[in-house]
Amino acid sequence: MIQVHLYRYLPDQDTHPHMDRVDLPDQFHSRMVLDALEYLHEQDPTLAYRRSCREGVCGSDGMNIDGKNRLACVTPVKEVLGKSGDLTIRPLPGMPVIRDLVVDQSLFFEQYERTKPWLINREPAPGKERLQSPSERARLDGLYECILCACCTSQCPSWWWNPVEYLGPAALLQAYRFIADSRDDGSPERLALLKDPYSLFRCRSIGNCTWVCPKGLNPMQAIGRIRQEMVKDALRKEPDPS
């Protein structure tokens, strides 16, 4: 049997969160962590967690597995067993726990909205579509694939220290996705929103965001590129010395 250390918190019953130890049949070595949770939920229907597509697309089942934020649906049990052969599952860190493995992501999505994550283009819409060259389209690779699972933001120490002021890597990755888009002309207002000391500049390049991203994206690189765009924007606004 596999021993599972499972974070539990039922607010109607528990004064404090605690870790339960439950057994999982050995056959789950070759299954995904989400399959294990489904089995454990059958044994105890009070266990709460989020899930949807189970294909690593929706981002619903982000949680902390063996100390690292991951998607339960694409994480094999055999790859996350600790040195003792146990499986440890906790909710995403840095976010208020609603119940068991379910966290309150309200702040996360409020910060995402603050970056204006939509196309801004004030030119009259063309009859068919706004065209991009292959090289312009390629600039969006590694940006548009974000599924907003919050794994990167909730594993970021800078966000733990400044959870309200610092927008976090997921929101900033989405900001750069539109700053980099050749069809978008809203970059000046997005950059203006990020010029305070906290929204962008609390990033300390720790790299946890890139380490945990289940889609293999690089939020830390995107944050660096926003800073470069800020420098370019400042230089454009400098008065001509001549």
Protein backbone atom coordinates (compact mmCIF):
# COMPACT_ATOMS: atom_id res chain seq x y z
CA MET A 1 0.00 0.00 0.00
CA ILE A 2 1.03 3.61 -0.66
CA GLN A 3 0.67 5.89 2.33
CA VAL A 4 -0.84 9.26 1.43
CA HIS A 5 -0.37 12.32 3.63
CA LEU A 6 -3.40 14.42 2.76
CA TYR A 7 -4.14 17.99 3.85
CA ARG A 8 -7.62 18.22 5.34
CA TYR A 9 -9.64 21.18 6.52
CA LEU A 10 -13.40 21.14 6.91
CA PRO A 11 -14.27 24.58 8.27
CA ASP A 12 -17.57 23.39 9.75
CA GLN A 13 -15.79 20.73 11.80
CA ASP A 14 -12.09 21.59 12.18
CA THR A 15 -10.58 24.32 14.31
CA HIS A 16 -7.29 23.97 12.44
CA PRO A 17 -6.11 22.19 9.29
CA HIS A 18 -4.40 18.84 9.75
CA MET A 19 -2.73 16.07 7.74
CA ASP A 20 -4.55 12.75 7.43
CA ARG A 21 -2.75 9.51 6.63
CA VAL A 22 -4.69 7.23 4.31
CA ASP A 23 -3.79 4.13 2.33
CA LEU A 24 -3.77 3.86 -1.45
CA PRO A 25 -3.53 0.51 -3.29
CA ASP A 26 -0.20 -0.24 -4.99
CA GLN A 27 -1.91 -0.34 -8.40
CA PHE A 28 -1.98 3.48 -8.34
CA HIS A 29 1.81 3.58 -8.85
CA SER A 30 1.10 3.67 -12.58
CA ARG A 31 -1.81 6.13 -12.37
CA MET A 32 -2.06 9.89 -12.07
CA VAL A 33 -2.45 11.73 -8.78
CA LEU A 34 -5.95 12.79 -9.82
CA ASP A 35 -6.89 9.11 -10.18
CA ALA A 36 -5.66 8.58 -6.62
CA LEU A 37 -7.79 11.48 -5.40
CA GLU A 38 -10.82 10.09 -7.21
CA TYR A 39 -10.30 6.79 -5.41
CA LEU A 40 -9.84 8.48 -2.04
CA HIS A 41 -12.98 10.54 -2.67
CA GLU A 42 -14.94 7.32 -3.20
CA GLN A 43 -13.73 6.17 0.22
CA ASP A 44 -14.45 9.55 1.84
CA PRO A 45 -16.95 11.74 -0.08
CA THR A 46 -16.15 14.73 2.18
CA LEU A 47 -12.75 15.16 0.47
CA ALA A 48 -12.84 18.36 -1.62
CA TYR A 49 -10.64 19.29 -4.61
CA ARG A 50 -11.07 20.88 -8.02
CA ARG A 51 -10.95 19.06 -11.34
CA SER A 52 -12.42 19.39 -14.81
CA CYS A 53 -10.81 18.31 -18.07
CA ARG A 54 -8.23 15.87 -16.58
CA GLU A 55 -6.06 16.54 -19.67
CA GLY A 56 -3.75 19.29 -18.37
CA VAL A 57 -5.68 21.98 -20.25
CA CYS A 58 -8.11 23.61 -17.82
CA GLY A 59 -5.73 24.19 -14.88
CA SER A 60 -8.41 23.39 -12.31
CA ASP A 61 -6.51 20.77 -10.32
CA GLY A 62 -3.37 22.70 -9.43
CA MET A 63 -2.09 21.64 -6.00
CA ASN A 64 1.14 21.10 -4.09
CA ILE A 65 2.36 17.52 -4.58
CA ASP A 66 5.55 16.38 -2.87
CA GLY A 67 6.49 20.02 -2.20
CA LYS A 68 6.04 21.29 -5.77
CA ASN A 69 2.99 22.84 -7.40
CA ARG A 70 1.67 20.60 -10.18
CA LEU A 71 -1.46 19.55 -12.04
CA ALA A 72 -2.78 16.39 -10.43
CA CYS A 73 -4.21 15.08 -13.70
CA VAL A 74 -0.85 14.88 -15.51
CA THR A 75 1.38 13.99 -12.55
CA PRO A 76 2.17 10.26 -12.27
CA VAL A 77 2.06 8.92 -8.71
CA LYS A 78 5.34 7.01 -9.16
CA GLU A 79 7.19 10.25 -10.01
CA VAL A 80 6.19 12.11 -6.84
CA LEU A 81 6.61 9.56 -4.11
CA GLY A 82 8.94 10.86 -1.40
CA LYS A 83 12.08 9.08 -0.23
CA SER A 84 9.96 7.02 2.15
CA GLY A 85 7.62 6.02 -0.68
CA ASP A 86 4.82 8.22 0.64
CA LEU A 87 2.67 10.67 -1.31
CA THR A 88 2.09 14.13 0.19
CA ILE A 89 -0.68 16.37 -1.18
CA ARG A 90 -1.40 19.90 0.01
CA PRO A 91 -3.34 22.88 -1.42
CA LEU A 92 -1.57 25.58 -3.40
CA PRO A 93 0.52 27.62 -0.93
CA GLY A 94 0.02 31.32 -0.25
CA MET A 95 -3.74 31.28 -0.90
CA PRO A 96 -6.55 31.06 1.67
CA VAL A 97 -7.89 27.51 1.99
CA ILE A 98 -11.64 27.21 1.54
CA ARG A 99 -11.76 23.48 2.21
CA ASP A 100 -9.21 20.65 1.93
CA LEU A 101 -7.38 21.17 -1.40
CA VAL A 102 -9.64 23.99 -2.61
CA VAL A 103 -8.16 27.49 -2.31
CA ASP A 104 -9.64 30.95 -2.79
CA GLN A 105 -8.23 32.32 -6.07
CA SER A 106 -10.15 35.61 -6.03
CA LEU A 107 -7.04 37.76 -5.62
CA PHE A 108 -5.22 35.80 -8.32
CA PHE A 109 -7.92 36.55 -10.90
CA GLU A 110 -8.31 40.17 -9.77
CA GLN A 111 -4.60 40.67 -10.44
CA TYR A 112 -4.92 38.95 -13.81
CA GLU A 113 -7.72 41.37 -14.75
CA ARG A 114 -5.61 44.37 -13.70
CA THR A 115 -3.15 43.68 -16.55
CA LYS A 116 -5.91 44.19 -19.17
CA PRO A 117 -5.45 40.70 -20.68
CA TRP A 118 -7.32 41.38 -23.89
CA LEU A 119 -6.48 42.84 -27.29
CA ILE A 120 -6.60 46.63 -27.42
CA ASN A 121 -6.74 48.01 -30.95
CA ARG A 122 -8.39 51.33 -31.74
CA GLU A 123 -8.16 51.07 -35.52
CA PRO A 124 -11.35 50.23 -37.41
CA ALA A 125 -11.81 46.48 -37.62
CA PRO A 126 -10.85 45.05 -41.02
CA GLY A 127 -13.39 43.16 -43.06
CA LYS A 128 -11.87 39.76 -42.30
CA GLU A 129 -9.02 39.58 -39.75
CA ARG A 130 -5.98 41.41 -38.38
CA LEU A 131 -3.00 39.81 -40.07
CA GLN A 132 0.39 38.91 -38.58
CA SER A 133 3.59 37.80 -40.24
CA PRO A 134 4.97 34.38 -39.21
CA SER A 135 7.68 36.10 -37.16
CA GLU A 136 5.13 38.32 -35.40
CA ARG A 137 3.02 35.27 -34.58
CA ALA A 138 6.09 33.40 -33.31
CA ARG A 139 6.64 36.07 -30.64
CA LEU A 140 3.52 34.79 -28.87
CA ASP A 141 4.85 31.24 -28.50
CA GLY A 142 5.48 30.45 -24.85
CA LEU A 143 2.96 33.10 -23.77
CA TYR A 144 -0.52 32.26 -25.03
CA GLU A 145 -0.33 28.68 -23.71
CA CYS A 146 -0.81 29.76 -20.08
CA ILE A 147 -3.83 28.00 -18.56
CA LEU A 148 -4.06 30.16 -15.41
CA CYS A 149 -3.62 27.22 -13.06
CA ALA A 150 -1.89 29.55 -10.54
CA CYS A 151 0.92 27.05 -9.94
CA CYS A 152 3.59 29.66 -10.71
CA THR A 153 2.12 32.52 -8.69
CA SER A 154 1.40 30.43 -5.61
CA GLN A 155 4.97 29.06 -5.62
CA CYS A 156 6.52 32.55 -5.85
CA PRO A 157 8.13 33.84 -2.60
CA SER A 158 7.89 37.43 -3.86
CA TRP A 159 4.13 36.97 -4.15
CA TRP A 160 3.96 35.41 -0.67
CA TRP A 161 5.70 38.51 0.73
CA ASN A 162 3.61 41.04 -1.24
CA PRO A 163 0.43 39.19 -2.26
CA VAL A 164 -1.68 42.30 -2.81
CA GLU A 165 0.82 44.72 -4.37
CA TYR A 166 2.90 42.34 -6.53
CA LEU A 167 0.88 40.97 -9.44
CA GLY A 168 2.74 37.68 -9.63
CA PRO A 169 4.21 35.76 -12.56
CA ALA A 170 0.98 34.48 -14.14
CA ALA A 171 -0.59 37.95 -14.44
CA LEU A 172 2.68 39.44 -15.72
CA LEU A 173 3.13 36.67 -18.29
CA GLN A 174 -0.35 37.52 -19.59
CA ALA A 175 0.53 41.22 -19.65
CA TYR A 176 3.56 40.51 -21.83
CA ARG A 177 1.51 38.25 -24.09
CA PHE A 178 -0.41 41.34 -25.25
CA ILE A 179 2.54 43.74 -25.09
CA ALA A 180 4.29 41.40 -27.54
CA ASP A 181 1.30 41.14 -29.87
CA SER A 182 1.79 43.12 -33.08
CA ARG A 183 -1.99 43.66 -33.35
CA ASP A 184 -2.21 45.38 -29.97
CA ASP A 185 -1.67 49.11 -29.34
CA GLY A 186 -2.41 49.11 -25.59
CA SER A 187 1.19 48.64 -24.44
CA PRO A 188 1.65 52.24 -23.15
CA GLU A 189 -1.28 51.96 -20.75
CA ARG A 190 -0.25 48.47 -19.62
CA LEU A 191 3.30 49.64 -18.94
CA ALA A 192 1.96 52.68 -17.07
CA LEU A 193 -0.02 50.36 -14.79
CA LEU A 194 3.16 48.48 -13.88
CA LYS A 195 5.48 51.40 -13.11
CA ASP A 196 4.89 51.52 -9.36
CA PRO A 197 7.47 49.89 -7.04
CA TYR A 198 5.43 46.72 -6.47
CA SER A 199 3.31 45.51 -9.41
CA LEU A 200 6.30 44.38 -11.49
CA PHE A 201 9.49 45.24 -9.64
CA ARG A 202 9.00 42.98 -6.62
CA CYS A 203 10.14 40.06 -8.79
CA ARG A 204 13.51 38.86 -7.48
CA SER A 205 14.21 36.39 -10.32
CA ILE A 206 14.02 33.42 -7.94
CA GLY A 207 12.79 31.20 -10.78
CA ASN A 208 10.20 29.10 -8.93
CA CYS A 209 7.60 30.17 -11.48
CA THR A 210 9.51 28.64 -14.38
CA TRP A 211 10.43 25.56 -12.31
CA VAL A 212 6.82 24.62 -11.60
CA CYS A 213 4.96 25.67 -14.78
CA PRO A 214 3.16 22.53 -16.02
CA LYS A 215 3.14 23.88 -19.59
CA GLY A 216 6.91 24.50 -19.65
CA LEU A 217 6.56 28.29 -19.94
CA ASN A 218 9.03 30.88 -18.64
CA PRO A 219 7.24 33.63 -16.70
CA MET A 220 10.53 34.96 -15.32
CA GLN A 221 11.75 35.64 -18.86
CA ALA A 222 8.48 37.42 -19.70
CA ILE A 223 8.90 39.65 -16.64
CA GLY A 224 12.42 40.54 -17.79
CA ARG A 225 11.09 41.46 -21.22
CA ILE A 226 8.46 43.75 -19.70
CA ARG A 227 11.29 45.57 -17.94
CA GLN A 228 13.09 45.92 -21.27
CA GLU A 229 9.94 47.36 -22.82
CA MET A 230 9.76 49.88 -19.98
CA VAL A 231 13.30 51.02 -20.74
CA LYS A 232 12.45 51.40 -24.43
CA ASP A 233 9.29 53.31 -23.54
CA ALA A 234 11.24 55.67 -21.27
CA LEU A 235 13.86 56.31 -23.95
CA ARG A 236 11.17 57.12 -26.50
CA LYS A 237 9.75 59.73 -24.13
CA GLU A 238 13.07 61.43 -23.36
CA PRO A 239 13.38 64.89 -24.91
CA ASP A 240 15.66 65.17 -27.90
CA PRO A 241 18.90 66.82 -26.64
CA SER A 242 19.35 68.54 -30.00
